C-alpha atoms as a PDB file:
ATOM      1  CA  UNK A   1     -11.130 -26.235 -27.868  1.00  0.00           C
ATOM      2  CA  UNK A   2      -9.781 -22.903 -29.121  1.00  0.00           C
ATOM      3  CA  UNK A   3     -13.029 -21.968 -30.828  1.00  0.00           C
ATOM      4  CA  UNK A   4     -14.796 -22.122 -27.446  1.00  0.00           C
ATOM      5  CA  UNK A   5     -12.154 -20.039 -25.696  1.00  0.00           C
ATOM      6  CA  UNK A   6     -12.727 -16.772 -27.609  1.00  0.00           C
ATOM      7  CA  UNK A   7     -16.494 -16.572 -26.978  1.00  0.00           C
ATOM      8  CA  UNK A   8     -15.887 -17.359 -23.300  1.00  0.00           C
ATOM      9  CA  UNK A   9     -13.300 -14.570 -23.015  1.00  0.00           C
ATOM     10  CA  UNK A  10     -15.616 -12.105 -24.747  1.00  0.00           C
ATOM     11  CA  UNK A  11     -18.484 -13.039 -22.453  1.00  0.00           C
ATOM     12  CA  UNK A  12     -16.325 -12.713 -19.359  1.00  0.00           C
ATOM     13  CA  UNK A  13     -15.068  -9.290 -20.409  1.00  0.00           C
ATOM     14  CA  UNK A  14     -18.630  -8.028 -20.830  1.00  0.00           C
ATOM     15  CA  UNK A  15     -19.543  -8.886 -17.257  1.00  0.00           C
ATOM     16  CA  UNK A  16     -17.095  -6.352 -15.758  1.00  0.00           C
ATOM     17  CA  UNK A  17     -17.592  -2.636 -16.178  1.00  0.00           C
ATOM     18  CA  UNK A  18     -15.408   0.227 -14.940  1.00  0.00           C
ATOM     19  CA  UNK A  19     -16.577   3.812 -14.688  1.00  0.00           C
ATOM     20  CA  UNK A  20     -15.767   7.217 -13.221  1.00  0.00           C
ATOM     21  CA  UNK A  21     -19.083   7.608 -11.384  1.00  0.00           C
ATOM     22  CA  UNK A  22     -21.561   5.466  -9.510  1.00  0.00           C
ATOM     23  CA  UNK A  23     -25.211   6.167  -8.764  1.00  0.00           C
ATOM     24  CA  UNK A  24     -26.241   5.352  -5.194  1.00  0.00           C
ATOM     25  CA  UNK A  25     -29.972   5.947  -4.787  1.00  0.00           C
ATOM     26  CA  UNK A  26     -30.509   9.566  -5.782  1.00  0.00           C
ATOM     27  CA  UNK A  27     -26.850  10.529  -5.125  1.00  0.00           C
ATOM     28  CA  UNK A  28     -23.757  10.131  -7.314  1.00  0.00           C
ATOM     29  CA  UNK A  29     -20.239   9.153  -6.264  1.00  0.00           C
ATOM     30  CA  UNK A  30     -17.408  10.208  -8.564  1.00  0.00           C
ATOM     31  CA  UNK A  31     -13.685   9.548  -8.823  1.00  0.00           C
ATOM     32  CA  UNK A  32     -11.993  11.956  -6.413  1.00  0.00           C
ATOM     33  CA  UNK A  33     -14.681  11.716  -3.717  1.00  0.00           C
ATOM     34  CA  UNK A  34     -13.488  10.915  -0.204  1.00  0.00           C
ATOM     35  CA  UNK A  35     -13.606   7.503   1.403  1.00  0.00           C
ATOM     36  CA  UNK A  36     -15.833   9.043   4.085  1.00  0.00           C
ATOM     37  CA  UNK A  37     -18.412  10.002   1.437  1.00  0.00           C
ATOM     38  CA  UNK A  38     -18.405   6.438   0.078  1.00  0.00           C
ATOM     39  CA  UNK A  39     -19.104   5.091   3.574  1.00  0.00           C
ATOM     40  CA  UNK A  40     -21.767   7.749   4.134  1.00  0.00           C
ATOM     41  CA  UNK A  41     -23.670   6.675   1.008  1.00  0.00           C
ATOM     42  CA  UNK A  42     -22.894   2.942   0.848  1.00  0.00           C
ATOM     43  CA  UNK A  43     -22.077   1.931   4.430  1.00  0.00           C
ATOM     44  CA  UNK A  44     -19.319  -0.440   5.497  1.00  0.00           C
ATOM     45  CA  UNK A  45     -17.974  -2.677   2.712  1.00  0.00           C
ATOM     46  CA  UNK A  46     -18.557  -6.435   2.790  1.00  0.00           C
ATOM     47  CA  UNK A  47     -14.869  -6.995   2.000  1.00  0.00           C
ATOM     48  CA  UNK A  48     -11.917  -4.635   2.398  1.00  0.00           C
ATOM     49  CA  UNK A  49      -8.591  -5.684   0.856  1.00  0.00           C
ATOM     50  CA  UNK A  50      -5.235  -3.877   0.713  1.00  0.00           C
ATOM     51  CA  UNK A  51      -3.681  -3.733  -2.773  1.00  0.00           C
ATOM     52  CA  UNK A  52      -0.504  -2.501  -4.412  1.00  0.00           C
ATOM     53  CA  UNK A  53      -1.685  -0.428  -7.384  1.00  0.00           C
ATOM     54  CA  UNK A  54       0.101   0.983 -10.415  1.00  0.00           C
ATOM     55  CA  UNK A  55      -1.490   4.352 -11.152  1.00  0.00           C
ATOM     56  CA  UNK A  56      -1.219   6.151 -14.467  1.00  0.00           C
ATOM     57  CA  UNK A  57       0.656   9.192 -13.109  1.00  0.00           C
ATOM     58  CA  UNK A  58       3.334   7.125 -11.378  1.00  0.00           C
ATOM     59  CA  UNK A  59       6.563   5.798 -12.918  1.00  0.00           C
ATOM     60  CA  UNK A  60       6.565   2.112 -13.848  1.00  0.00           C
ATOM     61  CA  UNK A  61       8.722   1.156 -10.872  1.00  0.00           C
ATOM     62  CA  UNK A  62       6.455   2.771  -8.247  1.00  0.00           C
ATOM     63  CA  UNK A  63       3.188   1.569  -6.785  1.00  0.00           C
ATOM     64  CA  UNK A  64       0.657   3.086  -4.405  1.00  0.00           C
ATOM     65  CA  UNK A  65      -0.908   1.260  -1.492  1.00  0.00           C
ATOM     66  CA  UNK A  66      -4.655   1.350  -1.735  1.00  0.00           C
ATOM     67  CA  UNK A  67      -7.770  -0.509  -0.730  1.00  0.00           C
ATOM     68  CA  UNK A  68     -10.476  -2.283  -2.686  1.00  0.00           C
ATOM     69  CA  UNK A  69     -13.857  -2.083  -0.996  1.00  0.00           C
ATOM     70  CA  UNK A  70     -16.427  -4.615  -2.194  1.00  0.00           C
ATOM     71  CA  UNK A  71     -20.175  -4.156  -1.846  1.00  0.00           C
ATOM     72  CA  UNK A  72     -22.648  -6.917  -2.761  1.00  0.00           C
ATOM     73  CA  UNK A  73     -25.844  -5.449  -4.222  1.00  0.00           C
ATOM     74  CA  UNK A  74     -28.650  -6.973  -6.296  1.00  0.00           C
ATOM     75  CA  UNK A  75     -26.669  -9.768  -7.970  1.00  0.00           C
ATOM     76  CA  UNK A  76     -23.596  -7.665  -8.629  1.00  0.00           C
ATOM     77  CA  UNK A  77     -20.396  -6.740  -6.846  1.00  0.00           C
ATOM     78  CA  UNK A  78     -19.367  -3.095  -6.774  1.00  0.00           C
ATOM     79  CA  UNK A  79     -15.636  -2.587  -6.196  1.00  0.00           C
ATOM     80  CA  UNK A  80     -14.514   0.862  -5.057  1.00  0.00           C
ATOM     81  CA  UNK A  81     -10.751   1.457  -5.179  1.00  0.00           C
ATOM     82  CA  UNK A  82      -9.460   3.986  -2.632  1.00  0.00           C
ATOM     83  CA  UNK A  83      -5.920   5.434  -2.557  1.00  0.00           C
ATOM     84  CA  UNK A  84      -4.880   8.109  -0.078  1.00  0.00           C
ATOM     85  CA  UNK A  85      -8.430   8.488   1.195  1.00  0.00           C
ATOM     86  CA  UNK A  86      -9.845   9.252  -2.275  1.00  0.00           C
ATOM     87  CA  UNK A  87     -11.746   7.146  -4.805  1.00  0.00           C
ATOM     88  CA  UNK A  88      -9.664   6.329  -7.890  1.00  0.00           C
ATOM     89  CA  UNK A  89     -11.909   3.759  -9.599  1.00  0.00           C
ATOM     90  CA  UNK A  90     -15.321   2.083  -9.604  1.00  0.00           C
ATOM     91  CA  UNK A  91     -15.861  -1.375 -11.056  1.00  0.00           C
ATOM     92  CA  UNK A  92     -19.083  -3.371 -11.327  1.00  0.00           C
ATOM     93  CA  UNK A  93     -18.952  -7.143 -11.692  1.00  0.00           C
ATOM     94  CA  UNK A  94     -22.243  -8.783 -12.631  1.00  0.00           C
ATOM     95  CA  UNK A  95     -22.633 -12.183 -10.999  1.00  0.00           C
END
């Protein structure tokens, strides 16, 4: 059983990709862009969820309230994390 677990974990980790920029058509979104710019380029998200996030610049005992916006596009899910009206992370999950 254990010998099947490691390849499964490796495969699962390859299907998620985080980055600091995202190409949308002929435009590029980057970390630090406003939430309004994300909506301008990508439209309304399919799913919007509130999250408590631990950011790198914050002490361990503090969290920021943010949102994860999910967009379903071409067999993948793009997750845009927004805190304080600004993009802090992009993540692509291949379905």
